[in-house]
Amino acid sequence: MTPAEPRGDLGPPGLNAGERATLLTFLGYLRDAVVAKASGVPEEAARAPGVASGTSLLGLVKHLTRTELNWFVWAYEGADVPRLDDAEPPLGHETAAGLVAAYREACARSDAVVAACPDLDRTGVRSLRDAPPPSMRWLLVHMVEETARHAGHADILRERIDGAVGR
C-alpha cells in the first residue's frame, strides 16, 4: 500500500462502543473516506478547481491537514505549527501522494495527542476561537463534523471528475 491509498479497514464502530472509541472510529472512517476520494485521480484533475469557489480534491486534503495540526497540535497540545488563520497556502509543487502522506502524518500526530489525553473532559492549552480552550470531547466532535463536511465536498468533486460515487 502506498501512502496515497486508503487503508480500507475502517468501518463504523460497534453500536455499543465506548465514547472515545466511537469518536475515534468515526473520525478515522471519515479521514479514510477523504483519502479514498483523493486517490486514483490523475494529478491534474485532483488539483483542478471543481467548483467556482476554487475548491479541489488536493486543496481539501491540504486544508484538512492544517486543520488537524491546528486543533490537536497547536491548540490542544500547545506545540507550534503554522496557524490556520494564516493565509491558506496555495497548492504548490506537492504531489497527490505527498499531500495524502502529510495528511496521514497529521492524523497520526493528532491521534497521539488524543491517546495522551486521560480524560475527554480535559481542556487544551489554547483555542483557535475567541473562547476558552475546548475539551478533548468537543475537539473530537468538531473534527468529526469538519472532516465529514469536507468528505462530502470530496464526494462531489470526485463524481465531477470521473463519475466515481460511494466510499
Foldseek 3Di string as FASTA:
>chain_A
DALLAQPPPADQDDPPDDPVVRLVRLLSVLLSLLSNLLPPAPQVLQCAQQDPVGDGSLLLLQLLLQVLCQQQPCWAANDDDDHSVPPRDRDDPDTSSRSSNSSVVSVVVSVVSVVPDPDQQDFGDQDPDPDGGGGNSVVSVVSSVSSNVSSVVSQVSSCSRPNDHDD
